Amino acid sequence: MITPDLLAAFLTLTFLEIVLGIDNIIFISILANRFPEERQKKLIRIGLFLAMIMRIMMLLGINWLTQMKEPLVEVNLNWFSAQITLQSIILLAGGLFLLYKSTLEIFHKVEDIETHSTLKGTKTLSFSRALSQIVMIDIVFSFDSILTAVGMTNGIPYALWIMIIAVIVSIVIMMAFATPVSNYINKHPSLQILGLSFLLLIGFMLIAEAAHLSHTNLFGGTTGRIPKGYLYFSIAFSLGVEMLNMRIRKRRTPKSQE
């Protein structure tokens, strides 16, 4: 029987999954920009479908997921100590990959702007390689959304089914809007750079999260968790400022052409 509490949990989880999936859409959109238009839609849909499958599998294996928090290796040195877990290793690898990929994409796009050339070397990403990168990022991003969803639904009846349905509904909604959002981002170079900057921030956040979960102590100092609210507020604020700038530039463009 559907109760107000169940409905509220479902709507909250669906909204949360969409918000936490924004970074996933940005990453997939930037990769899709490397391909012709007809293949972009295919890559976006397959990428989001894989994200849905990944999250459902993690929900079904939630017991295995919690075991990933158990320390694998303990390091105790005079200047460094940590309890390294499989979860922290995955988050660290994902964060480093995002830092590398975002920095590389920013370099390529800045070089394109400065030289007004296509830089053929930047268009050699294969479809299968792009999918493999998406799968890797899906695994990392799924950890965040699934663990958050589990914490929110603790003690609620039919929590597993609510989470699975919320994941499916959120991915369907993202699939409906992902292609228009991707096309809009790829048509505006400033939004592409802004999106890549967001991924840099998220990569740094994942590294800090990995250090926090492994209780890393470096030269007597501990690593704290970066509040996600701060991160998403900065993203929303930067995006709002950039939209205002785009609106101003659009108004000035006809005047400069007259």
Protein backbone atom coordinates (compact mmCIF):
# COMPACT_ATOMS: atom_id res chain seq x y z
CA MET A 1 0.00 0.00 0.00
CA ILE A 2 1.28 3.44 -0.99
CA THR A 3 1.61 5.74 1.99
CA PRO A 4 2.63 9.42 2.10
CA ASP A 5 5.99 8.40 3.59
CA LEU A 6 6.67 5.97 0.74
CA LEU A 7 5.64 8.52 -1.88
CA ALA A 8 7.80 11.22 -0.28
CA ALA A 9 10.79 8.85 -0.15
CA PHE A 10 10.29 7.87 -3.80
CA LEU A 11 10.04 11.49 -5.04
CA THR A 12 13.02 12.56 -2.93
CA LEU A 13 15.16 9.67 -4.16
CA THR A 14 14.18 10.30 -7.80
CA PHE A 15 15.12 13.98 -7.50
CA LEU A 16 18.36 13.04 -5.74
CA GLU A 17 19.31 10.54 -8.44
CA ILE A 18 18.76 13.18 -11.13
CA VAL A 19 20.87 15.76 -9.26
CA LEU A 20 23.67 13.27 -8.63
CA GLY A 21 23.45 12.17 -12.27
CA ILE A 22 24.25 15.65 -13.64
CA ASP A 23 27.99 15.04 -13.46
CA ASN A 24 27.45 11.75 -15.30
CA ILE A 25 25.56 13.54 -18.08
CA ILE A 26 28.30 16.18 -18.39
CA PHE A 27 31.00 13.52 -18.75
CA ILE A 28 29.02 11.48 -21.30
CA SER A 29 28.12 14.65 -23.28
CA ILE A 30 31.75 15.72 -23.57
CA LEU A 31 32.78 12.26 -24.76
CA ALA A 32 29.85 12.15 -27.20
CA ASN A 33 31.01 15.42 -28.77
CA ARG A 34 33.86 13.44 -30.37
CA PHE A 35 31.44 11.52 -32.60
CA PRO A 36 28.99 12.34 -35.43
CA GLU A 37 25.51 13.47 -34.37
CA GLU A 38 23.80 10.14 -35.06
CA ARG A 39 26.32 8.29 -32.88
CA GLN A 40 26.16 10.89 -30.10
CA LYS A 41 22.57 9.94 -29.25
CA LYS A 42 23.50 6.25 -29.24
CA LEU A 43 26.46 6.80 -26.91
CA ILE A 44 24.41 8.95 -24.50
CA ARG A 45 21.58 6.40 -24.30
CA ILE A 46 23.90 3.42 -23.88
CA GLY A 47 25.94 5.32 -21.28
CA LEU A 48 22.88 6.18 -19.19
CA PHE A 49 21.47 2.67 -19.61
CA LEU A 50 24.75 1.23 -18.31
CA ALA A 51 24.55 3.66 -15.38
CA MET A 52 21.06 2.34 -14.57
CA ILE A 53 22.19 -1.29 -14.76
CA MET A 54 25.22 -0.51 -12.61
CA ARG A 55 23.14 1.13 -9.87
CA ILE A 56 20.53 -1.64 -9.82
CA MET A 57 23.28 -4.28 -9.54
CA MET A 58 24.82 -2.37 -6.64
CA LEU A 59 21.45 -2.14 -4.92
CA LEU A 60 20.94 -5.89 -5.30
CA GLY A 61 24.42 -6.49 -3.92
CA ILE A 62 24.20 -3.96 -1.12
CA ASN A 63 25.68 -6.44 1.39
CA TRP A 64 28.75 -6.84 -0.82
CA LEU A 65 28.90 -3.06 -1.16
CA THR A 66 29.03 -2.57 2.61
CA GLN A 67 31.82 -5.15 2.86
CA MET A 68 33.93 -2.92 0.59
CA LYS A 69 34.24 -0.55 3.56
CA GLU A 70 36.31 -3.13 5.46
CA PRO A 71 40.05 -2.29 5.54
CA LEU A 72 42.22 -4.31 3.16
CA VAL A 73 45.58 -2.87 4.16
CA GLU A 74 46.63 -0.76 7.13
CA VAL A 75 49.59 1.57 6.75
CA ASN A 76 51.22 3.08 9.84
CA LEU A 77 54.23 5.31 9.30
CA ASN A 78 55.56 8.25 11.25
CA TRP A 79 54.23 10.74 8.69
CA PHE A 80 51.43 8.75 7.03
CA SER A 81 48.74 6.33 8.18
CA ALA A 82 45.62 4.96 6.48
CA GLN A 83 43.16 2.06 6.51
CA ILE A 84 42.85 1.40 2.80
CA THR A 85 39.54 -0.10 1.64
CA LEU A 86 38.34 -1.27 -1.76
CA GLN A 87 35.80 1.57 -1.79
CA SER A 88 38.49 4.19 -1.19
CA ILE A 89 40.65 2.68 -3.95
CA ILE A 90 37.78 2.89 -6.45
CA LEU A 91 36.98 6.49 -5.47
CA LEU A 92 40.66 7.46 -5.67
CA ALA A 93 41.03 5.86 -9.11
CA GLY A 94 37.86 7.59 -10.33
CA GLY A 95 38.97 10.96 -8.97
CA LEU A 96 42.41 10.71 -10.57
CA PHE A 97 40.84 9.63 -13.87
CA LEU A 98 38.47 12.62 -13.81
CA LEU A 99 41.37 15.00 -13.09
CA TYR A 100 43.39 13.52 -15.96
CA LYS A 101 40.51 13.37 -18.45
CA SER A 102 39.17 16.86 -17.65
CA THR A 103 42.61 18.46 -17.84
CA LEU A 104 43.31 16.74 -21.16
CA GLU A 105 39.95 17.80 -22.63
CA ILE A 106 40.43 21.41 -21.46
CA PHE A 107 43.88 21.48 -23.11
CA HIS A 108 42.48 20.16 -26.38
CA LYS A 109 39.59 22.61 -26.44
CA VAL A 110 41.80 25.59 -25.56
CA GLU A 111 44.22 24.59 -28.31
CA ASP A 112 41.30 24.36 -30.75
CA ILE A 113 40.17 27.89 -29.78
CA GLU A 114 43.64 29.38 -29.99
CA THR A 115 44.73 27.80 -33.26
CA HIS A 116 41.28 27.56 -34.90
CA SER A 117 42.18 24.07 -36.03
CA THR A 118 40.55 20.69 -35.53
CA LEU A 119 43.60 18.99 -34.01
CA LYS A 120 42.95 15.64 -35.65
CA GLY A 121 44.65 13.87 -32.77
CA THR A 122 41.77 14.79 -30.47
CA LYS A 123 39.17 12.99 -32.60
CA THR A 124 40.62 9.48 -32.46
CA LEU A 125 38.57 8.17 -29.52
CA SER A 126 36.85 4.95 -30.54
CA PHE A 127 33.26 4.16 -29.62
CA SER A 128 34.23 1.10 -27.58
CA ARG A 129 36.92 3.04 -25.72
CA ALA A 130 34.41 5.79 -24.93
CA LEU A 131 32.00 3.17 -23.55
CA SER A 132 34.74 1.66 -21.38
CA GLN A 133 35.48 5.10 -19.90
CA ILE A 134 31.77 5.66 -19.28
CA VAL A 135 31.49 2.30 -17.50
CA MET A 136 34.41 3.24 -15.24
CA ILE A 137 32.86 6.59 -14.35
CA ASP A 138 29.43 4.95 -13.90
CA ILE A 139 30.92 2.67 -11.23
CA VAL A 140 32.45 5.60 -9.35
CA PHE A 141 29.37 7.85 -9.56
CA SER A 142 27.05 4.98 -8.65
CA PHE A 143 28.81 4.53 -5.29
CA ASP A 144 27.87 8.05 -4.28
CA SER A 145 24.22 7.87 -5.29
CA ILE A 146 23.59 4.36 -3.96
CA LEU A 147 25.17 4.93 -0.54
CA THR A 148 23.23 8.19 -0.20
CA ALA A 149 19.98 6.46 -1.19
CA VAL A 150 20.56 3.62 1.29
CA GLY A 151 21.13 6.12 4.08
CA MET A 152 17.91 7.99 3.24
CA THR A 153 15.70 4.89 3.10
CA ASN A 154 17.00 3.23 6.25
CA GLY A 155 14.01 1.86 8.16
CA ILE A 156 11.46 2.48 5.39
CA PRO A 157 9.45 -0.58 4.26
CA TYR A 158 10.07 -1.83 0.69
CA ALA A 159 13.20 0.36 0.64
CA LEU A 160 14.96 -1.78 -1.99
CA TRP A 161 12.06 -1.62 -4.44
CA ILE A 162 11.65 2.12 -3.88
CA MET A 163 15.32 2.68 -4.67
CA ILE A 164 15.22 0.50 -7.79
CA ILE A 165 12.09 2.22 -9.16
CA ALA A 166 13.56 5.65 -8.34
CA VAL A 167 16.75 4.76 -10.24
CA ILE A 168 14.78 3.56 -13.29
CA VAL A 169 12.49 6.63 -13.35
CA SER A 170 15.40 9.05 -12.89
CA ILE A 171 17.42 7.44 -15.72
CA VAL A 172 14.39 7.54 -18.05
CA ILE A 173 13.96 11.26 -17.27
CA MET A 174 17.67 11.88 -17.86
CA MET A 175 17.53 9.99 -21.17
CA ALA A 176 14.68 12.26 -22.31
CA PHE A 177 16.63 15.44 -21.56
CA ALA A 178 20.25 14.29 -21.98
CA THR A 179 20.45 14.75 -25.76
CA PRO A 180 19.06 18.34 -25.81
CA VAL A 181 21.31 19.23 -22.85
CA SER A 182 24.31 17.64 -24.58
CA ASN A 183 23.63 19.50 -27.83
CA TYR A 184 23.28 22.80 -25.98
CA ILE A 185 26.53 22.27 -24.06
CA ASN A 186 28.45 21.26 -27.19
CA LYS A 187 27.23 24.33 -29.11
CA HIS A 188 28.69 26.69 -26.51
CA PRO A 189 32.46 26.34 -25.88
CA SER A 190 32.23 28.33 -22.63
CA LEU A 191 29.76 25.79 -21.21
CA GLN A 192 32.06 22.96 -22.25
CA ILE A 193 34.94 24.50 -20.32
CA LEU A 194 32.63 25.14 -17.37
CA GLY A 195 31.43 21.53 -17.45
CA LEU A 196 35.00 20.26 -17.53
CA SER A 197 35.82 22.54 -14.60
CA PHE A 198 32.93 20.95 -12.70
CA LEU A 199 34.42 17.51 -13.40
CA LEU A 200 37.76 18.74 -12.04
CA LEU A 201 36.01 19.77 -8.82
CA ILE A 202 34.20 16.44 -8.61
CA GLY A 203 37.49 14.58 -9.20
CA PHE A 204 39.10 16.49 -6.35
CA MET A 205 36.06 15.77 -4.16
CA LEU A 206 36.34 12.02 -4.90
CA ILE A 207 40.02 12.02 -3.93
CA ALA A 208 39.21 13.82 -0.67
CA GLU A 209 36.35 11.36 -0.06
CA ALA A 210 38.70 8.41 -0.61
CA ALA A 211 41.19 9.88 1.89
CA HIS A 212 38.41 10.51 4.41
CA LEU A 213 36.95 6.99 4.14
CA SER A 214 40.40 5.45 4.58
CA HIS A 215 41.05 7.65 7.67
CA THR A 216 44.18 9.05 6.06
CA ASN A 217 46.52 10.95 8.36
CA LEU A 218 49.26 12.92 6.62
CA PHE A 219 51.90 14.73 8.70
CA GLY A 220 49.52 14.77 11.67
CA GLY A 221 46.56 16.19 9.74
CA THR A 222 43.37 14.35 8.84
CA THR A 223 41.33 14.73 5.65
CA GLY A 224 37.73 15.85 6.02
CA ARG A 225 34.81 15.18 3.73
CA ILE A 226 33.88 18.00 1.33
CA PRO A 227 30.14 18.79 1.78
CA LYS A 228 28.38 18.05 -1.51
CA GLY A 229 25.99 20.94 -0.91
CA TYR A 230 28.88 23.40 -1.21
CA LEU A 231 30.03 21.79 -4.42
CA TYR A 232 26.63 21.74 -6.11
CA PHE A 233 25.90 25.30 -4.96
CA SER A 234 29.12 26.52 -6.57
CA ILE A 235 28.22 24.64 -9.75
CA ALA A 236 24.72 26.14 -9.84
CA PHE A 237 26.06 29.65 -9.10
CA SER A 238 28.74 29.43 -11.82
CA LEU A 239 26.20 28.10 -14.30
CA GLY A 240 23.79 30.96 -13.48
CA VAL A 241 26.52 33.57 -14.01
CA GLU A 242 27.53 31.97 -17.32
CA MET A 243 23.91 31.92 -18.54
CA LEU A 244 23.69 35.66 -17.79
CA ASN A 245 26.93 36.24 -19.70
CA MET A 246 25.60 34.26 -22.67
CA ARG A 247 22.39 36.30 -22.65
CA ILE A 248 24.35 39.57 -22.61
CA ARG A 249 26.63 38.39 -25.45
CA LYS A 250 23.61 37.35 -27.50
CA ARG A 251 22.08 40.82 -27.14
CA ARG A 252 25.32 42.56 -28.09
CA THR A 253 26.11 40.41 -31.10
CA PRO A 254 23.55 41.99 -33.52
CA LYS A 255 24.71 45.50 -32.56
CA SER A 256 28.34 44.71 -33.31
CA GLN A 257 27.41 43.27 -36.69
CA GLU A 258 25.47 46.34 -37.80
